[in-house]
Amino acid sequence: MVGIHPVAEALRAGRPLDRILIAKGLAGPRVQEIIDLSRQRSIPVRFEARPAIDRLAGSAAHQGVVALGAAKQYAELDGIAGHARMLVVLDGLEDPHNLGAVIRTAHAAGADAIVVPERRAAGLTDTVAKAAAGVVLFDWKRRATSRKQAER
């Protein structure tokens, strides 16, 4: 997971992380918050040279912060419809930036769950997490095999 906001949200959400890597010389209140949250949760923080973080992140678009940990899993769809006050059902949303924006907006609007189809849809990638400003890490996404399944 890469980026200041996704990593901070992962820490706030209590996601299992193995360690946090921060570019040497990076400073500021948001970076300090990541360091403080990591220490509270006993997650090791290492300061690395930018080229090492670039290699690990796969690109230079990481804002100097990378978190290593377990991949995010989808929750099951069964049972959510009966409890959800607001359910957002997506169909054919393939662009990860757009999916991240929809997740961020749905969360801000108070949605209890987002249903993402298994086929012809973007998955929960680092790009989605970054576009969603880390909101994707909260446990309220569901995956459906089809829109008909989601409508049941």
N, C-alpha and C. Protein backbone atom coordinates (compact mmCIF):
# COMPACT_ATOMS: atom_id res chain seq x y z
N MET A 1 0.86 -1.15 0.00
CA MET A 1 0.00 0.00 0.00
C MET A 1 0.91 1.22 0.00
N VAL A 2 0.56 2.20 -0.84
CA VAL A 2 1.42 3.37 -0.98
C VAL A 2 0.63 4.66 -0.79
N GLY A 3 1.30 5.68 -0.32
CA GLY A 3 0.68 6.99 -0.17
C GLY A 3 0.38 7.34 1.27
N ILE A 4 0.43 8.62 1.57
CA ILE A 4 0.22 9.09 2.94
C ILE A 4 -1.19 8.78 3.44
N HIS A 5 -2.20 9.16 2.65
CA HIS A 5 -3.58 8.97 3.12
C HIS A 5 -3.97 7.49 3.24
N PRO A 6 -3.70 6.63 2.23
CA PRO A 6 -4.05 5.22 2.39
C PRO A 6 -3.37 4.55 3.59
N VAL A 7 -2.10 4.88 3.81
CA VAL A 7 -1.39 4.28 4.94
C VAL A 7 -1.96 4.78 6.27
N ALA A 8 -2.23 6.07 6.37
CA ALA A 8 -2.81 6.62 7.60
C ALA A 8 -4.18 5.98 7.88
N GLU A 9 -5.01 5.84 6.84
CA GLU A 9 -6.33 5.22 7.02
C GLU A 9 -6.20 3.75 7.41
N ALA A 10 -5.23 3.06 6.84
CA ALA A 10 -5.01 1.66 7.21
C ALA A 10 -4.67 1.55 8.69
N LEU A 11 -3.85 2.45 9.18
CA LEU A 11 -3.49 2.46 10.60
C LEU A 11 -4.69 2.79 11.47
N ARG A 12 -5.48 3.79 11.06
CA ARG A 12 -6.68 4.15 11.83
C ARG A 12 -7.70 3.02 11.85
N ALA A 13 -7.80 2.28 10.74
CA ALA A 13 -8.78 1.19 10.63
C ALA A 13 -8.31 -0.08 11.33
N GLY A 14 -7.06 -0.09 11.81
CA GLY A 14 -6.56 -1.26 12.52
C GLY A 14 -6.17 -2.41 11.62
N ARG A 15 -5.85 -2.14 10.37
CA ARG A 15 -5.45 -3.19 9.43
C ARG A 15 -4.13 -3.82 9.88
N PRO A 16 -3.98 -5.11 9.66
CA PRO A 16 -2.71 -5.76 10.02
C PRO A 16 -1.59 -5.33 9.07
N LEU A 17 -0.60 -4.65 9.59
CA LEU A 17 0.54 -4.20 8.80
C LEU A 17 1.82 -4.74 9.43
N ASP A 18 2.75 -5.13 8.57
CA ASP A 18 4.02 -5.68 9.05
C ASP A 18 5.02 -4.58 9.38
N ARG A 19 5.08 -3.56 8.51
CA ARG A 19 6.00 -2.44 8.75
C ARG A 19 5.65 -1.29 7.82
N ILE A 20 6.14 -0.11 8.19
CA ILE A 20 5.94 1.10 7.41
C ILE A 20 7.32 1.60 6.98
N LEU A 21 7.45 1.95 5.70
CA LEU A 21 8.68 2.52 5.18
C LEU A 21 8.42 3.97 4.81
N ILE A 22 9.29 4.86 5.27
CA ILE A 22 9.16 6.29 5.00
C ILE A 22 10.47 6.77 4.40
N ALA A 23 10.36 7.60 3.37
CA ALA A 23 11.55 8.14 2.71
C ALA A 23 12.35 9.00 3.67
N LYS A 24 13.65 8.82 3.67
CA LYS A 24 14.53 9.64 4.51
C LYS A 24 14.32 11.11 4.17
N GLY A 25 14.24 11.94 5.20
CA GLY A 25 14.09 13.36 5.02
C GLY A 25 12.65 13.83 4.90
N LEU A 26 11.71 12.90 4.79
CA LEU A 26 10.30 13.28 4.68
C LEU A 26 9.79 13.70 6.06
N ALA A 27 9.09 14.82 6.11
CA ALA A 27 8.59 15.33 7.39
C ALA A 27 7.26 16.02 7.17
N GLY A 28 6.62 16.37 8.26
CA GLY A 28 5.35 17.08 8.20
C GLY A 28 4.35 16.45 9.15
N PRO A 29 3.24 17.13 9.41
CA PRO A 29 2.27 16.62 10.37
C PRO A 29 1.62 15.30 9.96
N ARG A 30 1.38 15.10 8.67
CA ARG A 30 0.76 13.84 8.24
C ARG A 30 1.72 12.67 8.40
N VAL A 31 2.98 12.91 8.10
CA VAL A 31 4.00 11.87 8.27
C VAL A 31 4.17 11.57 9.76
N GLN A 32 4.18 12.60 10.59
CA GLN A 32 4.31 12.40 12.03
C GLN A 32 3.13 11.60 12.57
N GLU A 33 1.93 11.85 12.04
CA GLU A 33 0.75 11.08 12.46
C GLU A 33 0.93 9.60 12.14
N ILE A 34 1.48 9.29 10.97
CA ILE A 34 1.73 7.90 10.60
C ILE A 34 2.74 7.27 11.55
N ILE A 35 3.77 8.01 11.87
CA ILE A 35 4.79 7.50 12.81
C ILE A 35 4.15 7.25 14.18
N ASP A 36 3.37 8.20 14.68
CA ASP A 36 2.74 8.06 15.99
C ASP A 36 1.76 6.88 16.02
N LEU A 37 0.92 6.76 14.99
CA LEU A 37 -0.04 5.64 14.94
C LEU A 37 0.69 4.30 14.86
N SER A 38 1.79 4.27 14.12
CA SER A 38 2.58 3.04 14.00
C SER A 38 3.16 2.64 15.35
N ARG A 39 3.68 3.60 16.06
CA ARG A 39 4.26 3.32 17.38
C ARG A 39 3.19 2.84 18.37
N GLN A 40 2.00 3.47 18.32
CA GLN A 40 0.90 3.04 19.20
C GLN A 40 0.51 1.59 18.94
N ARG A 41 0.61 1.16 17.69
CA ARG A 41 0.22 -0.20 17.33
C ARG A 41 1.42 -1.15 17.26
N SER A 42 2.59 -0.68 17.68
CA SER A 42 3.82 -1.48 17.67
C SER A 42 4.18 -2.00 16.28
N ILE A 43 3.99 -1.17 15.28
CA ILE A 43 4.36 -1.51 13.91
C ILE A 43 5.69 -0.82 13.62
N PRO A 44 6.69 -1.60 13.23
CA PRO A 44 8.00 -1.00 12.97
C PRO A 44 7.96 0.02 11.84
N VAL A 45 8.70 1.12 12.03
CA VAL A 45 8.85 2.16 11.02
C VAL A 45 10.33 2.22 10.65
N ARG A 46 10.58 2.14 9.32
CA ARG A 46 11.97 2.24 8.84
C ARG A 46 12.07 3.42 7.88
N PHE A 47 13.17 4.13 7.96
CA PHE A 47 13.43 5.24 7.06
C PHE A 47 14.42 4.76 6.01
N GLU A 48 13.99 4.80 4.74
CA GLU A 48 14.76 4.26 3.63
C GLU A 48 15.03 5.36 2.60
N ALA A 49 16.03 5.14 1.77
CA ALA A 49 16.32 6.04 0.66
C ALA A 49 15.19 5.95 -0.37
N ARG A 50 14.90 7.06 -1.04
CA ARG A 50 13.80 7.09 -2.03
C ARG A 50 13.93 6.02 -3.12
N PRO A 51 15.12 5.76 -3.67
CA PRO A 51 15.20 4.72 -4.71
C PRO A 51 14.74 3.34 -4.21
N ALA A 52 15.01 3.03 -2.96
CA ALA A 52 14.56 1.74 -2.40
C ALA A 52 13.02 1.71 -2.29
N ILE A 53 12.44 2.83 -1.90
CA ILE A 53 10.97 2.91 -1.80
C ILE A 53 10.35 2.88 -3.20
N ASP A 54 10.99 3.54 -4.17
CA ASP A 54 10.51 3.51 -5.56
C ASP A 54 10.45 2.07 -6.06
N ARG A 55 11.52 1.30 -5.81
CA ARG A 55 11.56 -0.10 -6.25
C ARG A 55 10.46 -0.92 -5.58
N LEU A 56 10.28 -0.73 -4.30
CA LEU A 56 9.28 -1.50 -3.56
C LEU A 56 7.86 -1.14 -4.01
N ALA A 57 7.62 0.15 -4.24
CA ALA A 57 6.29 0.61 -4.64
C ALA A 57 5.99 0.31 -6.11
N GLY A 58 7.03 0.12 -6.91
CA GLY A 58 6.83 -0.14 -8.32
C GLY A 58 6.73 1.12 -9.15
N SER A 59 6.77 2.27 -8.51
CA SER A 59 6.76 3.56 -9.21
C SER A 59 7.20 4.64 -8.24
N ALA A 60 7.28 5.86 -8.74
CA ALA A 60 7.67 6.97 -7.87
C ALA A 60 6.46 7.67 -7.27
N ALA A 61 5.26 7.18 -7.54
CA ALA A 61 4.03 7.82 -7.06
C ALA A 61 3.60 7.22 -5.72
N HIS A 62 4.39 7.46 -4.69
CA HIS A 62 4.10 6.88 -3.38
C HIS A 62 4.11 7.91 -2.25
N GLN A 63 4.41 9.13 -2.55
CA GLN A 63 4.46 10.22 -1.57
C GLN A 63 5.47 9.96 -0.45
N GLY A 64 6.39 9.02 -0.68
CA GLY A 64 7.42 8.73 0.30
C GLY A 64 6.99 7.80 1.42
N VAL A 65 5.81 7.17 1.29
CA VAL A 65 5.31 6.29 2.35
C VAL A 65 4.80 4.98 1.73
N VAL A 66 5.27 3.86 2.27
CA VAL A 66 4.83 2.53 1.82
C VAL A 66 4.55 1.69 3.05
N ALA A 67 3.42 0.97 3.04
CA ALA A 67 3.09 0.04 4.12
C ALA A 67 3.10 -1.37 3.57
N LEU A 68 3.65 -2.28 4.32
CA LEU A 68 3.66 -3.69 3.94
C LEU A 68 2.77 -4.45 4.92
N GLY A 69 1.92 -5.27 4.37
CA GLY A 69 1.02 -6.04 5.23
C GLY A 69 0.11 -6.92 4.42
N ALA A 70 -0.90 -7.45 5.07
CA ALA A 70 -1.84 -8.37 4.45
C ALA A 70 -2.68 -7.66 3.40
N ALA A 71 -2.99 -8.36 2.31
CA ALA A 71 -3.86 -7.81 1.27
C ALA A 71 -5.29 -7.73 1.78
N LYS A 72 -6.04 -6.78 1.27
CA LYS A 72 -7.44 -6.59 1.68
C LYS A 72 -8.31 -7.65 1.04
N GLN A 73 -9.17 -8.25 1.80
CA GLN A 73 -10.10 -9.26 1.32
C GLN A 73 -11.49 -8.67 1.23
N TYR A 74 -12.29 -9.19 0.29
CA TYR A 74 -13.68 -8.79 0.20
C TYR A 74 -14.47 -9.56 1.26
N ALA A 75 -15.53 -8.97 1.75
CA ALA A 75 -16.44 -9.66 2.65
C ALA A 75 -17.53 -10.31 1.82
N GLU A 76 -18.26 -11.25 2.37
CA GLU A 76 -19.34 -11.94 1.67
C GLU A 76 -20.58 -11.05 1.59
N LEU A 77 -21.33 -11.21 0.51
CA LEU A 77 -22.53 -10.42 0.28
C LEU A 77 -23.71 -10.86 1.14
N ASP A 78 -23.76 -12.13 1.46
CA ASP A 78 -24.90 -12.68 2.22
C ASP A 78 -25.15 -11.90 3.51
N GLY A 79 -26.38 -11.50 3.68
CA GLY A 79 -26.79 -10.87 4.92
C GLY A 79 -26.63 -9.36 4.98
N ILE A 80 -25.92 -8.75 4.04
CA ILE A 80 -25.70 -7.30 4.15
C ILE A 80 -26.95 -6.51 3.79
N ALA A 81 -27.70 -6.97 2.81
CA ALA A 81 -28.86 -6.20 2.32
C ALA A 81 -29.89 -5.98 3.43
N GLY A 82 -30.06 -6.93 4.32
CA GLY A 82 -31.03 -6.78 5.40
C GLY A 82 -30.64 -5.77 6.44
N HIS A 83 -29.35 -5.49 6.56
CA HIS A 83 -28.87 -4.57 7.60
C HIS A 83 -28.47 -3.20 7.06
N ALA A 84 -28.28 -3.10 5.76
CA ALA A 84 -27.77 -1.85 5.18
C ALA A 84 -28.87 -0.82 5.01
N ARG A 85 -28.60 0.38 5.51
CA ARG A 85 -29.53 1.48 5.28
C ARG A 85 -29.30 2.07 3.89
N MET A 86 -28.03 2.13 3.47
CA MET A 86 -27.70 2.60 2.14
C MET A 86 -26.70 1.62 1.53
N LEU A 87 -27.08 1.07 0.40
CA LEU A 87 -26.26 0.09 -0.30
C LEU A 87 -25.96 0.65 -1.70
N VAL A 88 -24.70 0.74 -2.06
CA VAL A 88 -24.31 1.22 -3.38
C VAL A 88 -23.92 0.01 -4.22
N VAL A 89 -24.62 -0.19 -5.34
CA VAL A 89 -24.37 -1.33 -6.23
C VAL A 89 -23.73 -0.80 -7.50
N LEU A 90 -22.56 -1.31 -7.83
CA LEU A 90 -21.82 -0.87 -9.02
C LEU A 90 -21.89 -1.95 -10.08
N ASP A 91 -21.86 -1.53 -11.33
CA ASP A 91 -21.87 -2.48 -12.44
C ASP A 91 -20.99 -1.95 -13.56
N GLY A 92 -19.92 -2.66 -13.88
CA GLY A 92 -19.07 -2.31 -15.00
C GLY A 92 -18.15 -1.13 -14.77
N LEU A 93 -17.85 -0.80 -13.56
CA LEU A 93 -16.93 0.30 -13.25
C LEU A 93 -15.51 -0.26 -13.28
N GLU A 94 -14.82 -0.05 -14.40
CA GLU A 94 -13.52 -0.69 -14.62
C GLU A 94 -12.32 0.18 -14.30
N ASP A 95 -12.50 1.49 -14.24
CA ASP A 95 -11.38 2.38 -13.98
C ASP A 95 -11.12 2.47 -12.48
N PRO A 96 -9.91 2.11 -12.03
CA PRO A 96 -9.62 2.13 -10.59
C PRO A 96 -9.73 3.52 -9.96
N HIS A 97 -9.40 4.58 -10.71
CA HIS A 97 -9.53 5.93 -10.15
C HIS A 97 -11.00 6.27 -9.90
N ASN A 98 -11.86 5.89 -10.84
CA ASN A 98 -13.29 6.15 -10.67
C ASN A 98 -13.86 5.33 -9.52
N LEU A 99 -13.44 4.06 -9.40
CA LEU A 99 -13.91 3.23 -8.29
C LEU A 99 -13.50 3.85 -6.96
N GLY A 100 -12.26 4.33 -6.88
CA GLY A 100 -11.81 4.98 -5.65
C GLY A 100 -12.63 6.21 -5.31
N ALA A 101 -12.96 7.00 -6.33
CA ALA A 101 -13.78 8.20 -6.11
C ALA A 101 -15.19 7.83 -5.66
N VAL A 102 -15.76 6.78 -6.23
CA VAL A 102 -17.10 6.34 -5.83
C VAL A 102 -17.07 5.82 -4.39
N ILE A 103 -16.06 5.06 -4.03
CA ILE A 103 -15.94 4.54 -2.66
C ILE A 103 -15.83 5.69 -1.66
N ARG A 104 -14.98 6.66 -1.99
CA ARG A 104 -14.80 7.83 -1.10
C ARG A 104 -16.11 8.59 -0.94
N THR A 105 -16.81 8.81 -2.03
CA THR A 105 -18.08 9.55 -2.00
C THR A 105 -19.15 8.77 -1.25
N ALA A 106 -19.25 7.46 -1.52
CA ALA A 106 -20.25 6.63 -0.84
C ALA A 106 -20.01 6.61 0.67
N HIS A 107 -18.76 6.53 1.06
CA HIS A 107 -18.42 6.54 2.49
C HIS A 107 -18.83 7.87 3.12
N ALA A 108 -18.53 8.97 2.42
CA ALA A 108 -18.89 10.30 2.93
C ALA A 108 -20.40 10.48 3.02
N ALA A 109 -21.15 9.82 2.13
CA ALA A 109 -22.61 9.93 2.13
C ALA A 109 -23.27 8.99 3.14
N GLY A 110 -22.48 8.14 3.78
CA GLY A 110 -23.01 7.26 4.81
C GLY A 110 -23.40 5.87 4.33
N ALA A 111 -22.89 5.44 3.19
CA ALA A 111 -23.21 4.10 2.69
C ALA A 111 -22.69 3.04 3.66
N ASP A 112 -23.49 1.98 3.83
CA ASP A 112 -23.10 0.88 4.70
C ASP A 112 -22.30 -0.17 3.95
N ALA A 113 -22.50 -0.25 2.63
CA ALA A 113 -21.78 -1.25 1.83
C ALA A 113 -21.74 -0.81 0.38
N ILE A 114 -20.71 -1.30 -0.31
CA ILE A 114 -20.60 -1.13 -1.75
C ILE A 114 -20.47 -2.52 -2.33
N VAL A 115 -21.29 -2.80 -3.34
CA VAL A 115 -21.25 -4.10 -4.00
C VAL A 115 -20.53 -3.91 -5.33
N VAL A 116 -19.43 -4.66 -5.51
CA VAL A 116 -18.62 -4.60 -6.72
C VAL A 116 -18.73 -5.95 -7.41
N PRO A 117 -19.08 -5.98 -8.71
CA PRO A 117 -19.19 -7.27 -9.40
C PRO A 117 -17.83 -7.95 -9.53
N GLU A 118 -17.85 -9.28 -9.63
CA GLU A 118 -16.61 -10.03 -9.78
C GLU A 118 -16.00 -9.84 -11.15
N ARG A 119 -16.83 -9.67 -12.17
CA ARG A 119 -16.35 -9.51 -13.55
C ARG A 119 -16.63 -8.09 -14.04
N ARG A 120 -15.80 -7.64 -14.98
CA ARG A 120 -15.95 -6.32 -15.60
C ARG A 120 -15.98 -5.20 -14.57
N ALA A 121 -15.11 -5.29 -13.60
CA ALA A 121 -15.02 -4.24 -12.58
C ALA A 121 -13.60 -4.17 -12.05
N ALA A 122 -13.21 -2.99 -11.65
CA ALA A 122 -11.89 -2.81 -11.04
C ALA A 122 -11.86 -3.51 -9.68
N GLY A 123 -10.73 -4.07 -9.33
CA GLY A 123 -10.56 -4.69 -8.02
C GLY A 123 -10.03 -3.68 -7.01
N LEU A 124 -9.86 -4.13 -5.78
CA LEU A 124 -9.35 -3.25 -4.72
C LEU A 124 -7.82 -3.25 -4.77
N THR A 125 -7.30 -2.38 -5.60
CA THR A 125 -5.86 -2.27 -5.80
C THR A 125 -5.30 -1.08 -5.03
N ASP A 126 -3.98 -0.93 -5.08
CA ASP A 126 -3.36 0.25 -4.46
C ASP A 126 -3.85 1.53 -5.10
N THR A 127 -4.09 1.49 -6.41
CA THR A 127 -4.59 2.68 -7.11
C THR A 127 -5.96 3.08 -6.58
N VAL A 128 -6.82 2.09 -6.36
CA VAL A 128 -8.15 2.36 -5.81
C VAL A 128 -8.02 2.92 -4.40
N ALA A 129 -7.17 2.31 -3.59
CA ALA A 129 -6.98 2.79 -2.22
C ALA A 129 -6.49 4.22 -2.19
N LYS A 130 -5.59 4.55 -3.10
CA LYS A 130 -5.06 5.91 -3.13
C LYS A 130 -6.14 6.89 -3.59
N ALA A 131 -6.91 6.52 -4.63
CA ALA A 131 -7.98 7.40 -5.12
C ALA A 131 -9.08 7.57 -4.09
N ALA A 132 -9.28 6.56 -3.26
CA ALA A 132 -10.31 6.62 -2.21
C ALA A 132 -9.77 7.25 -0.94
N ALA A 133 -8.55 7.73 -0.97
CA ALA A 133 -7.89 8.33 0.19
C ALA A 133 -7.90 7.38 1.39
N GLY A 134 -7.76 6.07 1.11
CA GLY A 134 -7.67 5.09 2.18
C GLY A 134 -8.99 4.56 2.69
N VAL A 135 -10.10 5.13 2.29
CA VAL A 135 -11.41 4.69 2.78
C VAL A 135 -11.66 3.23 2.41
N VAL A 136 -11.05 2.76 1.33
CA VAL A 136 -11.24 1.39 0.86
C VAL A 136 -10.83 0.36 1.92
N LEU A 137 -10.08 0.78 2.90
CA LEU A 137 -9.59 -0.16 3.90
C LEU A 137 -10.61 -0.50 4.98
N PHE A 138 -11.67 0.27 5.08
CA PHE A 138 -12.69 -0.04 6.06
C PHE A 138 -13.51 -1.22 5.57
N ASP A 139 -13.94 -2.08 6.47
CA ASP A 139 -14.55 -3.35 6.11
C ASP A 139 -16.03 -3.20 5.79
N TRP A 140 -16.33 -2.63 4.61
CA TRP A 140 -17.73 -2.51 4.24
C TRP A 140 -17.95 -2.69 2.75
N LYS A 141 -17.00 -3.33 2.05
CA LYS A 141 -17.20 -3.66 0.65
C LYS A 141 -17.68 -5.09 0.53
N ARG A 142 -18.46 -5.34 -0.49
CA ARG A 142 -18.97 -6.69 -0.76
C ARG A 142 -18.72 -7.00 -2.22
N ARG A 143 -18.65 -8.26 -2.56
CA ARG A 143 -18.44 -8.66 -3.95
C ARG A 143 -19.57 -9.57 -4.35
N ALA A 144 -20.17 -9.30 -5.51
CA ALA A 144 -21.28 -10.11 -6.02
C ALA A 144 -20.87 -10.69 -7.37
N THR A 145 -21.39 -11.89 -7.68
CA THR A 145 -21.07 -12.49 -8.97
C THR A 145 -21.83 -11.80 -10.09
N SER A 146 -22.94 -11.19 -9.79
CA SER A 146 -23.71 -10.47 -10.80
C SER A 146 -24.58 -9.41 -10.14
N ARG A 147 -25.13 -8.51 -10.97
CA ARG A 147 -26.01 -7.50 -10.44
C ARG A 147 -27.29 -8.15 -9.90
N LYS A 148 -27.74 -9.23 -10.56
CA LYS A 148 -28.95 -9.94 -10.08
C LYS A 148 -28.74 -10.47 -8.67
N GLN A 149 -27.55 -11.00 -8.39
CA GLN A 149 -27.25 -11.49 -7.04
C GLN A 149 -27.33 -10.33 -6.05
N ALA A 150 -26.82 -9.17 -6.44
CA ALA A 150 -26.84 -8.01 -5.55
C ALA A 150 -28.26 -7.51 -5.32
N GLU A 151 -29.14 -7.68 -6.31
CA GLU A 151 -30.51 -7.19 -6.20
C GLU A 151 -31.37 -8.07 -5.31
N ARG A 152 -30.94 -9.30 -5.08
CA ARG A 152 -31.73 -10.20 -4.23
C ARG A 152 -31.73 -9.78 -2.80
